[in-house]
Amino acid sequence: MIDERLESAIKQTGARVLILDPIQAYLGGTMDMNRANEARDMTKRLSLLAEKYKCAILLIGHMNKAGGNKAAHRGMGSIDFFAVARSVLLVGRIEGESDLRAVVQIKNNLAT
């Protein structure tokens, strides 16, 4: 199972950061990322790994093409990916500046 492979890799390397880019690659073909219950189960398993090994886990996702919607609703898959995250950063083009990108924090609940 992929979770076991991730845990083994974290344990062997002593990793402090694990980046899954894109998240769809981690999910494989067995999970429907549009179903909230499946997304929550997967993110819960990742959070347990992060807590057990004191390792930050970064999920990289891509926006869908539905322009005009709130950023939280433009991520691919269930809104639960956004909901369970402690912090969400959005990377995007700056209108009128074809060579520039901006990184904007659109969610933060990193309470102390």
C-alpha atoms as a PDB file:
ATOM      1  CA  MET A   1       0.000   0.000   0.000  1.00  0.00           C
ATOM      2  CA  ILE A   2       1.193   3.529  -0.755  1.00  0.00           C
ATOM      3  CA  ASP A   3       0.791   4.680   2.884  1.00  0.00           C
ATOM      4  CA  GLU A   4       3.244   1.978   3.979  1.00  0.00           C
ATOM      5  CA  ARG A   5       5.726   3.041   1.305  1.00  0.00           C
ATOM      6  CA  LEU A   6       5.474   6.677   2.402  1.00  0.00           C
ATOM      7  CA  GLU A   7       5.914   5.739   6.057  1.00  0.00           C
ATOM      8  CA  SER A   8       8.918   3.591   5.228  1.00  0.00           C
ATOM      9  CA  ALA A   9      10.512   6.403   3.210  1.00  0.00           C
ATOM     10  CA  ILE A  10       9.921   8.963   5.991  1.00  0.00           C
ATOM     11  CA  LYS A  11      11.335   6.600   8.613  1.00  0.00           C
ATOM     12  CA  GLN A  12      14.406   5.632   6.568  1.00  0.00           C
ATOM     13  CA  THR A  13      15.310   9.168   5.555  1.00  0.00           C
ATOM     14  CA  GLY A  14      14.234  11.063   8.660  1.00  0.00           C
ATOM     15  CA  ALA A  15      12.352  13.403   6.327  1.00  0.00           C
ATOM     16  CA  ARG A  16      10.883  16.543   7.871  1.00  0.00           C
ATOM     17  CA  VAL A  17       8.950  17.502   4.725  1.00  0.00           C
ATOM     18  CA  LEU A  18       7.037  15.257   2.329  1.00  0.00           C
ATOM     19  CA  ILE A  19       5.733  16.813  -0.889  1.00  0.00           C
ATOM     20  CA  LEU A  20       3.079  15.033  -2.944  1.00  0.00           C
ATOM     21  CA  ASP A  21       3.042  16.732  -6.341  1.00  0.00           C
ATOM     22  CA  PRO A  22       0.465  16.476  -7.734  1.00  0.00           C
ATOM     23  CA  ILE A  23      -1.825  14.936  -5.142  1.00  0.00           C
ATOM     24  CA  GLN A  24      -3.509  12.918  -7.913  1.00  0.00           C
ATOM     25  CA  ALA A  25      -0.289  10.922  -8.375  1.00  0.00           C
ATOM     26  CA  TYR A  26      -0.452   9.801  -4.739  1.00  0.00           C
ATOM     27  CA  LEU A  27      -4.126   8.891  -4.960  1.00  0.00           C
ATOM     28  CA  GLY A  28      -3.739   6.516  -7.866  1.00  0.00           C
ATOM     29  CA  GLY A  29      -6.778   5.010  -9.562  1.00  0.00           C
ATOM     30  CA  THR A  30      -8.422   3.481  -6.511  1.00  0.00           C
ATOM     31  CA  MET A  31      -9.779   6.657  -4.912  1.00  0.00           C
ATOM     32  CA  ASP A  32     -12.352   9.125  -6.203  1.00  0.00           C
ATOM     33  CA  MET A  33     -10.953  12.498  -5.156  1.00  0.00           C
ATOM     34  CA  ASN A  34     -14.349  14.110  -5.738  1.00  0.00           C
ATOM     35  CA  ARG A  35     -15.947  12.108  -2.907  1.00  0.00           C
ATOM     36  CA  ALA A  36     -15.564  13.883   0.428  1.00  0.00           C
ATOM     37  CA  ASN A  37     -15.587  10.695   2.510  1.00  0.00           C
ATOM     38  CA  GLU A  38     -12.722   9.216   0.502  1.00  0.00           C
ATOM     39  CA  ALA A  39     -10.739  12.464   0.567  1.00  0.00           C
ATOM     40  CA  ARG A  40     -11.169  12.775   4.358  1.00  0.00           C
ATOM     41  CA  ASP A  41     -10.011   9.200   4.938  1.00  0.00           C
ATOM     42  CA  MET A  42      -6.867   9.767   2.893  1.00  0.00           C
ATOM     43  CA  THR A  43      -6.034  13.115   4.495  1.00  0.00           C
ATOM     44  CA  LYS A  44      -6.590  11.619   7.963  1.00  0.00           C
ATOM     45  CA  ARG A  45      -4.032   8.889   7.222  1.00  0.00           C
ATOM     46  CA  LEU A  46      -1.558  11.516   6.021  1.00  0.00           C
ATOM     47  CA  SER A  47      -2.109  13.650   9.127  1.00  0.00           C
ATOM     48  CA  LEU A  48      -1.414  10.643  11.365  1.00  0.00           C
ATOM     49  CA  LEU A  49       1.860  10.057   9.496  1.00  0.00           C
ATOM     50  CA  ALA A  50       2.786  13.729   9.844  1.00  0.00           C
ATOM     51  CA  GLU A  51       2.083  13.682  13.565  1.00  0.00           C
ATOM     52  CA  LYS A  52       3.860  10.386  14.210  1.00  0.00           C
ATOM     53  CA  TYR A  53       7.083  11.439  12.474  1.00  0.00           C
ATOM     54  CA  LYS A  54       6.902  15.227  13.063  1.00  0.00           C
ATOM     55  CA  CYS A  55       6.973  15.666   9.297  1.00  0.00           C
ATOM     56  CA  ALA A  56       5.201  18.428   7.362  1.00  0.00           C
ATOM     57  CA  ILE A  57       3.190  17.171   4.409  1.00  0.00           C
ATOM     58  CA  LEU A  58       2.601  19.474   1.450  1.00  0.00           C
ATOM     59  CA  LEU A  59      -0.101  18.573  -1.045  1.00  0.00           C
ATOM     60  CA  ILE A  60       0.208  20.204  -4.450  1.00  0.00           C
ATOM     61  CA  GLY A  61      -3.018  20.405  -6.431  1.00  0.00           C
ATOM     62  CA  HIS A  62      -4.118  22.137  -9.583  1.00  0.00           C
ATOM     63  CA  MET A  63      -6.978  24.531 -10.198  1.00  0.00           C
ATOM     64  CA  ASN A  64      -9.836  23.595 -12.470  1.00  0.00           C
ATOM     65  CA  LYS A  65     -10.765  25.885 -15.352  1.00  0.00           C
ATOM     66  CA  ALA A  66     -13.984  27.223 -13.806  1.00  0.00           C
ATOM     67  CA  GLY A  67     -13.140  30.909 -13.805  1.00  0.00           C
ATOM     68  CA  GLY A  68     -14.931  33.324 -11.512  1.00  0.00           C
ATOM     69  CA  ASN A  69     -15.433  30.875  -8.650  1.00  0.00           C
ATOM     70  CA  LYS A  70     -13.897  31.334  -5.217  1.00  0.00           C
ATOM     71  CA  ALA A  71     -10.375  29.930  -5.069  1.00  0.00           C
ATOM     72  CA  ALA A  72     -11.454  27.345  -2.467  1.00  0.00           C
ATOM     73  CA  HIS A  73     -13.901  25.881  -5.001  1.00  0.00           C
ATOM     74  CA  ARG A  74     -11.473  25.843  -7.924  1.00  0.00           C
ATOM     75  CA  GLY A  75      -9.233  23.087  -6.629  1.00  0.00           C
ATOM     76  CA  MET A  76      -9.563  19.752  -8.371  1.00  0.00           C
ATOM     77  CA  GLY A  77     -11.488  17.210  -6.351  1.00  0.00           C
ATOM     78  CA  SER A  78     -13.374  17.514  -3.094  1.00  0.00           C
ATOM     79  CA  ILE A  79     -13.470  20.785  -1.149  1.00  0.00           C
ATOM     80  CA  ASP A  80     -12.275  18.639   1.781  1.00  0.00           C
ATOM     81  CA  PHE A  81      -8.679  18.966   0.607  1.00  0.00           C
ATOM     82  CA  PHE A  82      -9.017  22.699   1.234  1.00  0.00           C
ATOM     83  CA  ALA A  83     -11.028  22.216   4.426  1.00  0.00           C
ATOM     84  CA  VAL A  84      -8.527  19.990   6.259  1.00  0.00           C
ATOM     85  CA  ALA A  85      -5.440  21.999   5.298  1.00  0.00           C
ATOM     86  CA  ARG A  86      -3.811  24.214   7.922  1.00  0.00           C
ATOM     87  CA  SER A  87      -2.572  26.620   5.283  1.00  0.00           C
ATOM     88  CA  VAL A  88      -3.385  27.024   1.597  1.00  0.00           C
ATOM     89  CA  LEU A  89      -1.244  28.963  -0.848  1.00  0.00           C
ATOM     90  CA  LEU A  90      -2.434  29.912  -4.308  1.00  0.00           C
ATOM     91  CA  VAL A  91       0.083  30.415  -7.102  1.00  0.00           C
ATOM     92  CA  GLY A  92      -1.179  32.233 -10.147  1.00  0.00           C
ATOM     93  CA  ARG A  93      -0.536  34.652 -12.949  1.00  0.00           C
ATOM     94  CA  ILE A  94      -0.722  38.364 -12.394  1.00  0.00           C
ATOM     95  CA  GLU A  95      -3.210  39.883 -14.821  1.00  0.00           C
ATOM     96  CA  GLY A  96      -1.442  41.869 -17.514  1.00  0.00           C
ATOM     97  CA  GLU A  97       2.010  40.557 -16.485  1.00  0.00           C
ATOM     98  CA  SER A  98       2.660  37.440 -18.560  1.00  0.00           C
ATOM     99  CA  ASP A  99       6.061  36.745 -16.955  1.00  0.00           C
ATOM    100  CA  LEU A 100       5.073  37.232 -13.320  1.00  0.00           C
ATOM    101  CA  ARG A 101       3.399  34.925 -10.801  1.00  0.00           C
ATOM    102  CA  ALA A 102       2.157  35.622  -7.289  1.00  0.00           C
ATOM    103  CA  VAL A 103       1.926  33.406  -4.211  1.00  0.00           C
ATOM    104  CA  VAL A 104      -1.022  34.358  -2.014  1.00  0.00           C
ATOM    105  CA  GLN A 105      -2.113  32.725   1.225  1.00  0.00           C
ATOM    106  CA  ILE A 106      -5.868  32.085   0.978  1.00  0.00           C
ATOM    107  CA  LYS A 107      -6.261  30.055   4.172  1.00  0.00           C
ATOM    108  CA  ASN A 108      -4.434  30.029   7.496  1.00  0.00           C
ATOM    109  CA  ASN A 109      -5.445  28.316  10.719  1.00  0.00           C
ATOM    110  CA  LEU A 110      -2.005  27.772  12.205  1.00  0.00           C
ATOM    111  CA  ALA A 111      -2.990  28.725  15.732  1.00  0.00           C
ATOM    112  CA  THR A 112      -0.384  28.403  18.467  1.00  0.00           C
END
